[in-house]
Amino acid sequence: MERRKRQRLAGFDYAQTGTYFITVNTADRACLFGQIAQGTMQLNTFGEAVAGCWRDLPRAMPAIVLHEWVLMPNHFHGLVTLEATGKHSLPDVVRTFKSVSTRVANQVRNTVGSTLWHRSDYDQIVRNETDLDRIRQYIVDNPAKWDQDENNPVRWQA
């Protein structure tokens, strides 16, 4: 059995108060959530449903605060702050988002048991204000830079 590469910082407590940057890709990088038009993400019905799942997370997890985020055609970027150590961990937040959005997506698509997200995700600990400002700008600029994005399937065909 193939071992998965450890994605998180060894020894770090991901239930610790702090701000984190997460990225989650769709399974097989399928473009499911809409399209980029003139540098702006245009969510389809499916994308609107998934975006709603992200916006609703603080209802289920009141100790988190959502900041900048963007749902792209085949991936998601978001900043989240855990406000209370031990209430929720970053893996809890990601797992809940992926689980709830998959369930909602399957309802919207009228499918059962379809996989929406890639099994792994990427996260980064936001260490300081400079880091936070850089990541915020990256998220805001992401749709406008879709032509150069490594997740853009048009780039794979070139």
N, C-alpha and C. Protein backbone atom coordinates (compact mmCIF):
# COMPACT_ATOMS: atom_id res chain seq x y z
N MET A 1 0.84 -1.18 0.00
CA MET A 1 0.00 0.00 0.00
C MET A 1 0.89 1.25 0.00
N GLU A 2 0.53 2.19 -0.86
CA GLU A 2 1.30 3.43 -0.97
C GLU A 2 1.05 4.31 0.25
N ARG A 3 2.14 4.82 0.84
CA ARG A 3 2.01 5.74 1.98
C ARG A 3 1.85 7.15 1.48
N ARG A 4 0.95 7.88 2.11
CA ARG A 4 0.75 9.27 1.76
C ARG A 4 1.82 10.13 2.42
N LYS A 5 2.25 11.15 1.69
CA LYS A 5 3.22 12.10 2.21
C LYS A 5 2.57 12.95 3.29
N ARG A 6 3.24 13.12 4.40
CA ARG A 6 2.74 13.96 5.49
C ARG A 6 2.67 15.41 5.00
N GLN A 7 1.50 16.02 5.16
CA GLN A 7 1.29 17.37 4.67
C GLN A 7 1.48 18.43 5.75
N ARG A 8 1.32 18.05 6.99
CA ARG A 8 1.33 19.03 8.07
C ARG A 8 2.68 19.08 8.78
N LEU A 9 2.93 20.19 9.45
CA LEU A 9 4.17 20.40 10.18
C LEU A 9 4.22 19.45 11.38
N ALA A 10 5.22 18.62 11.43
CA ALA A 10 5.35 17.64 12.52
C ALA A 10 5.46 18.34 13.86
N GLY A 11 4.70 17.85 14.82
CA GLY A 11 4.77 18.38 16.18
C GLY A 11 3.96 19.64 16.43
N PHE A 12 3.36 20.22 15.39
CA PHE A 12 2.57 21.44 15.57
C PHE A 12 1.15 21.06 15.97
N ASP A 13 0.57 21.79 16.90
CA ASP A 13 -0.80 21.55 17.37
C ASP A 13 -1.76 22.35 16.50
N TYR A 14 -2.44 21.67 15.58
CA TYR A 14 -3.36 22.33 14.67
C TYR A 14 -4.73 22.62 15.30
N ALA A 15 -4.83 22.49 16.61
CA ALA A 15 -6.00 22.93 17.35
C ALA A 15 -5.68 24.23 18.09
N GLN A 16 -4.48 24.73 17.87
CA GLN A 16 -3.99 25.95 18.52
C GLN A 16 -4.61 27.18 17.87
N THR A 17 -4.92 28.17 18.68
CA THR A 17 -5.43 29.44 18.17
C THR A 17 -4.47 29.98 17.12
N GLY A 18 -5.02 30.42 16.00
CA GLY A 18 -4.18 30.98 14.95
C GLY A 18 -4.95 31.04 13.64
N THR A 19 -4.30 31.62 12.64
CA THR A 19 -4.89 31.74 11.32
C THR A 19 -4.15 30.80 10.37
N TYR A 20 -4.93 30.16 9.50
CA TYR A 20 -4.41 29.13 8.60
C TYR A 20 -4.94 29.38 7.19
N PHE A 21 -4.11 29.05 6.21
CA PHE A 21 -4.46 29.15 4.80
C PHE A 21 -4.66 27.73 4.31
N ILE A 22 -5.81 27.45 3.72
CA ILE A 22 -6.05 26.10 3.22
C ILE A 22 -6.35 26.12 1.73
N THR A 23 -5.98 25.04 1.07
CA THR A 23 -6.29 24.81 -0.34
C THR A 23 -6.80 23.39 -0.45
N VAL A 24 -7.92 23.23 -1.15
CA VAL A 24 -8.50 21.92 -1.38
C VAL A 24 -8.81 21.82 -2.87
N ASN A 25 -8.35 20.75 -3.51
CA ASN A 25 -8.60 20.51 -4.93
C ASN A 25 -9.75 19.53 -5.10
N THR A 26 -10.45 19.66 -6.22
CA THR A 26 -11.48 18.68 -6.54
C THR A 26 -10.82 17.36 -6.92
N ALA A 27 -11.57 16.29 -6.82
CA ALA A 27 -11.07 14.98 -7.27
C ALA A 27 -10.76 15.08 -8.76
N ASP A 28 -9.61 14.59 -9.14
CA ASP A 28 -9.15 14.61 -10.54
C ASP A 28 -9.11 16.01 -11.14
N ARG A 29 -9.06 17.02 -10.28
CA ARG A 29 -9.03 18.42 -10.71
C ARG A 29 -10.16 18.77 -11.68
N ALA A 30 -11.29 18.14 -11.49
CA ALA A 30 -12.44 18.39 -12.36
C ALA A 30 -12.96 19.81 -12.12
N CYS A 31 -13.22 20.52 -13.20
CA CYS A 31 -13.77 21.88 -13.11
C CYS A 31 -15.29 21.77 -12.95
N LEU A 32 -15.74 21.97 -11.72
CA LEU A 32 -17.14 21.72 -11.37
C LEU A 32 -17.91 22.95 -10.93
N PHE A 33 -17.22 24.00 -10.49
CA PHE A 33 -17.88 25.07 -9.75
C PHE A 33 -18.23 26.31 -10.55
N GLY A 34 -17.89 26.34 -11.83
CA GLY A 34 -18.17 27.50 -12.66
C GLY A 34 -16.99 27.78 -13.56
N GLN A 35 -16.89 29.03 -13.98
CA GLN A 35 -15.81 29.39 -14.89
C GLN A 35 -15.30 30.79 -14.59
N ILE A 36 -14.12 31.05 -15.11
CA ILE A 36 -13.52 32.38 -14.99
C ILE A 36 -13.89 33.17 -16.24
N ALA A 37 -14.48 34.34 -16.04
CA ALA A 37 -14.82 35.22 -17.15
C ALA A 37 -14.27 36.61 -16.84
N GLN A 38 -13.42 37.10 -17.71
CA GLN A 38 -12.80 38.42 -17.55
C GLN A 38 -12.18 38.59 -16.17
N GLY A 39 -11.48 37.55 -15.71
CA GLY A 39 -10.74 37.61 -14.45
C GLY A 39 -11.60 37.49 -13.20
N THR A 40 -12.86 37.10 -13.36
CA THR A 40 -13.77 36.97 -12.23
C THR A 40 -14.37 35.57 -12.22
N MET A 41 -14.45 34.97 -11.04
CA MET A 41 -15.06 33.66 -10.91
C MET A 41 -16.57 33.78 -10.99
N GLN A 42 -17.16 33.06 -11.93
CA GLN A 42 -18.61 33.01 -12.11
C GLN A 42 -19.08 31.65 -11.62
N LEU A 43 -19.64 31.60 -10.41
CA LEU A 43 -20.08 30.33 -9.85
C LEU A 43 -21.34 29.84 -10.55
N ASN A 44 -21.39 28.54 -10.80
CA ASN A 44 -22.62 27.93 -11.29
C ASN A 44 -23.45 27.52 -10.07
N THR A 45 -24.57 26.86 -10.29
CA THR A 45 -25.44 26.45 -9.18
C THR A 45 -24.68 25.55 -8.21
N PHE A 46 -23.91 24.67 -8.76
CA PHE A 46 -23.11 23.75 -7.97
C PHE A 46 -22.09 24.52 -7.12
N GLY A 47 -21.40 25.48 -7.73
CA GLY A 47 -20.44 26.30 -7.02
C GLY A 47 -21.09 27.14 -5.93
N GLU A 48 -22.27 27.67 -6.21
CA GLU A 48 -23.00 28.45 -5.19
C GLU A 48 -23.32 27.58 -3.98
N ALA A 49 -23.71 26.34 -4.22
CA ALA A 49 -24.03 25.42 -3.12
C ALA A 49 -22.80 25.13 -2.27
N VAL A 50 -21.66 24.91 -2.91
CA VAL A 50 -20.42 24.62 -2.19
C VAL A 50 -19.94 25.86 -1.45
N ALA A 51 -20.04 27.04 -2.08
CA ALA A 51 -19.65 28.29 -1.41
C ALA A 51 -20.52 28.51 -0.17
N GLY A 52 -21.79 28.18 -0.27
CA GLY A 52 -22.67 28.31 0.88
C GLY A 52 -22.24 27.43 2.04
N CYS A 53 -21.71 26.27 1.73
CA CYS A 53 -21.22 25.37 2.79
C CYS A 53 -20.06 26.00 3.54
N TRP A 54 -19.16 26.68 2.81
CA TRP A 54 -18.03 27.36 3.47
C TRP A 54 -18.55 28.51 4.33
N ARG A 55 -19.44 29.33 3.76
CA ARG A 55 -19.97 30.49 4.51
C ARG A 55 -20.70 30.06 5.78
N ASP A 56 -21.32 28.87 5.76
CA ASP A 56 -22.10 28.39 6.90
C ASP A 56 -21.28 27.68 7.97
N LEU A 57 -20.01 27.42 7.72
CA LEU A 57 -19.18 26.69 8.69
C LEU A 57 -19.20 27.28 10.10
N PRO A 58 -19.14 28.60 10.28
CA PRO A 58 -19.14 29.14 11.65
C PRO A 58 -20.41 28.81 12.45
N ARG A 59 -21.50 28.49 11.77
CA ARG A 59 -22.70 28.07 12.51
C ARG A 59 -22.45 26.75 13.24
N ALA A 60 -21.78 25.83 12.57
CA ALA A 60 -21.48 24.53 13.16
C ALA A 60 -20.25 24.59 14.06
N MET A 61 -19.37 25.55 13.77
CA MET A 61 -18.11 25.68 14.49
C MET A 61 -17.94 27.14 14.91
N PRO A 62 -18.62 27.56 15.98
CA PRO A 62 -18.61 28.98 16.35
C PRO A 62 -17.25 29.53 16.77
N ALA A 63 -16.28 28.69 17.02
CA ALA A 63 -14.96 29.17 17.45
C ALA A 63 -14.04 29.43 16.25
N ILE A 64 -14.61 29.50 15.04
CA ILE A 64 -13.79 29.83 13.87
C ILE A 64 -14.28 31.12 13.25
N VAL A 65 -13.37 31.82 12.57
CA VAL A 65 -13.69 33.02 11.83
C VAL A 65 -13.16 32.83 10.41
N LEU A 66 -14.01 33.07 9.44
CA LEU A 66 -13.60 32.97 8.03
C LEU A 66 -13.15 34.34 7.55
N HIS A 67 -12.10 34.34 6.76
CA HIS A 67 -11.58 35.56 6.16
C HIS A 67 -11.69 35.42 4.64
N GLU A 68 -10.77 35.98 3.90
CA GLU A 68 -10.80 35.89 2.45
C GLU A 68 -10.85 34.43 2.01
N TRP A 69 -11.59 34.20 0.94
CA TRP A 69 -11.66 32.87 0.34
C TRP A 69 -12.12 33.02 -1.10
N VAL A 70 -11.82 32.00 -1.88
CA VAL A 70 -12.28 31.97 -3.26
C VAL A 70 -12.49 30.52 -3.67
N LEU A 71 -13.61 30.30 -4.33
CA LEU A 71 -13.89 29.01 -4.94
C LEU A 71 -13.59 29.17 -6.42
N MET A 72 -12.62 28.41 -6.89
CA MET A 72 -12.20 28.45 -8.29
C MET A 72 -12.89 27.30 -9.03
N PRO A 73 -12.72 27.18 -10.36
CA PRO A 73 -13.40 26.10 -11.08
C PRO A 73 -13.12 24.71 -10.51
N ASN A 74 -11.89 24.48 -10.00
CA ASN A 74 -11.57 23.13 -9.53
C ASN A 74 -10.79 23.09 -8.22
N HIS A 75 -10.81 24.20 -7.50
CA HIS A 75 -10.16 24.19 -6.19
C HIS A 75 -10.69 25.35 -5.34
N PHE A 76 -10.29 25.31 -4.08
CA PHE A 76 -10.76 26.28 -3.10
C PHE A 76 -9.57 26.78 -2.31
N HIS A 77 -9.52 28.09 -2.05
CA HIS A 77 -8.54 28.69 -1.16
C HIS A 77 -9.30 29.46 -0.08
N GLY A 78 -8.85 29.34 1.16
CA GLY A 78 -9.49 30.10 2.22
C GLY A 78 -8.59 30.35 3.41
N LEU A 79 -8.85 31.44 4.09
CA LEU A 79 -8.19 31.77 5.34
C LEU A 79 -9.19 31.57 6.47
N VAL A 80 -8.76 30.89 7.51
CA VAL A 80 -9.63 30.63 8.65
C VAL A 80 -8.83 30.83 9.94
N THR A 81 -9.47 31.44 10.92
CA THR A 81 -8.86 31.61 12.23
C THR A 81 -9.56 30.71 13.23
N LEU A 82 -8.76 29.96 13.99
CA LEU A 82 -9.29 29.21 15.14
C LEU A 82 -9.14 30.13 16.32
N GLU A 83 -10.24 30.50 16.95
CA GLU A 83 -10.21 31.50 18.02
C GLU A 83 -9.99 30.90 19.40
N ALA A 84 -10.33 29.65 19.59
CA ALA A 84 -10.21 29.04 20.92
C ALA A 84 -9.43 27.73 20.80
N THR A 85 -8.28 27.67 21.43
CA THR A 85 -7.46 26.46 21.40
C THR A 85 -8.26 25.27 21.93
N GLY A 86 -8.24 24.21 21.14
CA GLY A 86 -8.87 22.96 21.56
C GLY A 86 -10.33 22.82 21.19
N LYS A 87 -11.01 23.92 20.80
CA LYS A 87 -12.42 23.83 20.42
C LYS A 87 -12.58 23.03 19.14
N HIS A 88 -11.82 23.42 18.13
CA HIS A 88 -11.81 22.74 16.83
C HIS A 88 -10.37 22.75 16.35
N SER A 89 -10.02 21.77 15.56
CA SER A 89 -8.69 21.76 14.95
C SER A 89 -8.83 22.11 13.48
N LEU A 90 -7.74 22.47 12.85
CA LEU A 90 -7.77 22.74 11.42
C LEU A 90 -8.24 21.51 10.65
N PRO A 91 -7.75 20.30 10.96
CA PRO A 91 -8.28 19.13 10.27
C PRO A 91 -9.80 18.96 10.45
N ASP A 92 -10.33 19.33 11.62
CA ASP A 92 -11.79 19.29 11.82
C ASP A 92 -12.50 20.23 10.84
N VAL A 93 -11.96 21.43 10.68
CA VAL A 93 -12.57 22.42 9.80
C VAL A 93 -12.57 21.91 8.37
N VAL A 94 -11.43 21.43 7.90
CA VAL A 94 -11.32 20.95 6.52
C VAL A 94 -12.22 19.74 6.31
N ARG A 95 -12.17 18.81 7.24
CA ARG A 95 -13.00 17.59 7.13
C ARG A 95 -14.49 17.94 7.09
N THR A 96 -14.92 18.86 7.96
CA THR A 96 -16.32 19.26 7.98
C THR A 96 -16.72 19.92 6.66
N PHE A 97 -15.89 20.85 6.18
CA PHE A 97 -16.17 21.51 4.90
C PHE A 97 -16.28 20.49 3.77
N LYS A 98 -15.31 19.60 3.67
CA LYS A 98 -15.32 18.62 2.60
C LYS A 98 -16.53 17.68 2.71
N SER A 99 -16.84 17.25 3.91
CA SER A 99 -17.95 16.33 4.12
C SER A 99 -19.30 16.97 3.81
N VAL A 100 -19.54 18.15 4.38
CA VAL A 100 -20.82 18.83 4.17
C VAL A 100 -20.99 19.24 2.71
N SER A 101 -19.94 19.79 2.11
CA SER A 101 -20.06 20.23 0.71
C SER A 101 -20.23 19.04 -0.23
N THR A 102 -19.63 17.91 0.08
CA THR A 102 -19.83 16.72 -0.75
C THR A 102 -21.27 16.25 -0.65
N ARG A 103 -21.81 16.24 0.55
CA ARG A 103 -23.20 15.82 0.74
C ARG A 103 -24.15 16.76 -0.01
N VAL A 104 -23.93 18.08 0.13
CA VAL A 104 -24.77 19.06 -0.56
C VAL A 104 -24.59 18.94 -2.08
N ALA A 105 -23.36 18.78 -2.52
CA ALA A 105 -23.09 18.65 -3.95
C ALA A 105 -23.79 17.42 -4.53
N ASN A 106 -23.77 16.32 -3.80
CA ASN A 106 -24.45 15.12 -4.28
C ASN A 106 -25.96 15.34 -4.37
N GLN A 107 -26.51 16.13 -3.46
CA GLN A 107 -27.94 16.46 -3.54
C GLN A 107 -28.22 17.33 -4.78
N VAL A 108 -27.38 18.33 -5.00
CA VAL A 108 -27.56 19.23 -6.15
C VAL A 108 -27.43 18.45 -7.46
N ARG A 109 -26.45 17.54 -7.52
CA ARG A 109 -26.21 16.76 -8.75
C ARG A 109 -27.11 15.53 -8.83
N ASN A 110 -27.87 15.28 -7.77
CA ASN A 110 -28.71 14.09 -7.70
C ASN A 110 -27.89 12.81 -7.88
N THR A 111 -26.78 12.76 -7.16
CA THR A 111 -25.91 11.59 -7.16
C THR A 111 -25.78 11.07 -5.73
N VAL A 112 -25.31 9.86 -5.62
CA VAL A 112 -25.11 9.26 -4.30
C VAL A 112 -23.66 8.77 -4.22
N GLY A 113 -22.96 9.20 -3.18
CA GLY A 113 -21.62 8.70 -2.92
C GLY A 113 -20.53 9.17 -3.85
N SER A 114 -20.80 10.17 -4.68
CA SER A 114 -19.76 10.69 -5.57
C SER A 114 -18.71 11.44 -4.77
N THR A 115 -17.48 11.30 -5.17
CA THR A 115 -16.38 12.00 -4.52
C THR A 115 -16.25 13.38 -5.13
N LEU A 116 -16.20 14.38 -4.30
CA LEU A 116 -16.08 15.76 -4.76
C LEU A 116 -14.63 16.24 -4.68
N TRP A 117 -13.98 15.97 -3.55
CA TRP A 117 -12.67 16.55 -3.26
C TRP A 117 -11.57 15.50 -3.35
N HIS A 118 -10.38 15.97 -3.69
CA HIS A 118 -9.17 15.14 -3.60
C HIS A 118 -8.98 14.78 -2.13
N ARG A 119 -8.45 13.62 -1.88
CA ARG A 119 -8.38 13.14 -0.49
C ARG A 119 -7.43 13.98 0.36
N SER A 120 -6.40 14.55 -0.21
CA SER A 120 -5.47 15.39 0.55
C SER A 120 -5.86 16.86 0.41
N ASP A 121 -5.26 17.68 1.22
CA ASP A 121 -5.42 19.12 1.12
C ASP A 121 -4.08 19.75 1.49
N TYR A 122 -3.99 21.04 1.31
CA TYR A 122 -2.78 21.77 1.63
C TYR A 122 -3.13 22.83 2.66
N ASP A 123 -2.29 22.98 3.66
CA ASP A 123 -2.51 24.07 4.62
C ASP A 123 -1.19 24.73 4.95
N GLN A 124 -1.29 25.97 5.40
CA GLN A 124 -0.12 26.74 5.78
C GLN A 124 -0.47 27.53 7.03
N ILE A 125 0.42 27.53 7.98
CA ILE A 125 0.26 28.32 9.19
C ILE A 125 0.62 29.77 8.85
N VAL A 126 -0.27 30.69 9.14
CA VAL A 126 0.00 32.10 8.89
C VAL A 126 0.79 32.62 10.08
N ARG A 127 2.03 33.00 9.84
CA ARG A 127 2.96 33.30 10.92
C ARG A 127 2.98 34.75 11.38
N ASN A 128 2.64 35.67 10.47
CA ASN A 128 2.69 37.08 10.84
C ASN A 128 1.84 37.91 9.89
N GLU A 129 1.76 39.21 10.12
CA GLU A 129 0.91 40.10 9.30
C GLU A 129 1.38 40.15 7.85
N THR A 130 2.69 40.11 7.64
CA THR A 130 3.21 40.13 6.27
C THR A 130 2.73 38.89 5.52
N ASP A 131 2.83 37.74 6.15
CA ASP A 131 2.33 36.49 5.59
C ASP A 131 0.84 36.60 5.29
N LEU A 132 0.09 37.11 6.25
CA LEU A 132 -1.36 37.25 6.10
C LEU A 132 -1.70 38.16 4.92
N ASP A 133 -1.04 39.29 4.81
CA ASP A 133 -1.29 40.23 3.71
C ASP A 133 -0.98 39.59 2.36
N ARG A 134 0.13 38.86 2.28
CA ARG A 134 0.53 38.20 1.03
C ARG A 134 -0.52 37.16 0.62
N ILE A 135 -0.99 36.36 1.57
CA ILE A 135 -1.97 35.32 1.28
C ILE A 135 -3.32 35.93 0.90
N ARG A 136 -3.71 36.97 1.61
CA ARG A 136 -4.96 37.65 1.25
C ARG A 136 -4.92 38.14 -0.19
N GLN A 137 -3.81 38.75 -0.57
CA GLN A 137 -3.68 39.25 -1.94
C GLN A 137 -3.69 38.10 -2.94
N TYR A 138 -3.02 37.00 -2.60
CA TYR A 138 -3.02 35.82 -3.47
C TYR A 138 -4.45 35.32 -3.72
N ILE A 139 -5.25 35.26 -2.66
CA ILE A 139 -6.63 34.78 -2.79
C ILE A 139 -7.44 35.74 -3.66
N VAL A 140 -7.35 37.03 -3.39
CA VAL A 140 -8.09 38.03 -4.15
C VAL A 140 -7.70 38.00 -5.63
N ASP A 141 -6.41 37.84 -5.91
CA ASP A 141 -5.90 37.86 -7.29
C ASP A 141 -6.09 36.54 -8.03
N ASN A 142 -6.42 35.47 -7.33
CA ASN A 142 -6.44 34.14 -7.93
C ASN A 142 -7.28 34.04 -9.20
N PRO A 143 -8.52 34.53 -9.23
CA PRO A 143 -9.30 34.42 -10.47
C PRO A 143 -8.66 35.16 -11.65
N ALA A 144 -8.08 36.32 -11.41
CA ALA A 144 -7.46 37.10 -12.49
C ALA A 144 -6.22 36.42 -13.05
N LYS A 145 -5.63 35.51 -12.27
CA LYS A 145 -4.41 34.82 -12.71
C LYS A 145 -4.68 33.39 -13.14
N TRP A 146 -5.94 33.07 -13.43
CA TRP A 146 -6.33 31.71 -13.81
C TRP A 146 -5.55 31.21 -15.01
N ASP A 147 -5.24 32.07 -15.96
CA ASP A 147 -4.50 31.63 -17.15
C ASP A 147 -3.14 31.05 -16.81
N GLN A 148 -2.53 31.50 -15.70
CA GLN A 148 -1.23 30.99 -15.29
C GLN A 148 -1.32 29.95 -14.17
N ASP A 149 -2.53 29.66 -13.69
CA ASP A 149 -2.72 28.76 -12.55
C ASP A 149 -2.38 27.33 -12.91
N GLU A 150 -1.60 26.67 -12.07
CA GLU A 150 -1.23 25.27 -12.31
C GLU A 150 -2.44 24.34 -12.27
N ASN A 151 -3.54 24.79 -11.68
CA ASN A 151 -4.77 23.99 -11.64
C ASN A 151 -5.65 24.17 -12.88
N ASN A 152 -5.30 25.09 -13.75
CA ASN A 152 -6.08 25.34 -14.95
C ASN A 152 -5.82 24.23 -15.98
N PRO A 153 -6.86 23.44 -16.32
CA PRO A 153 -6.64 22.32 -17.23
C PRO A 153 -6.17 22.73 -18.62
N VAL A 154 -6.43 23.96 -19.03
CA VAL A 154 -5.94 24.42 -20.33
C VAL A 154 -4.42 24.41 -20.34
N ARG A 155 -3.80 24.68 -19.20
CA ARG A 155 -2.33 24.65 -19.12
C ARG A 155 -1.80 23.24 -19.28
N TRP A 156 -2.57 22.22 -18.86
CA TRP A 156 -2.09 20.84 -18.98
C TRP A 156 -2.05 20.40 -20.42
N GLN A 157 -2.93 21.00 -21.26
CA GLN A 157 -3.03 20.60 -22.66
C GLN A 157 -2.00 21.30 -23.52
N ALA A 158 -1.41 22.37 -23.00
CA ALA A 158 -0.45 23.17 -23.79
C ALA A 158 0.89 22.47 -23.89
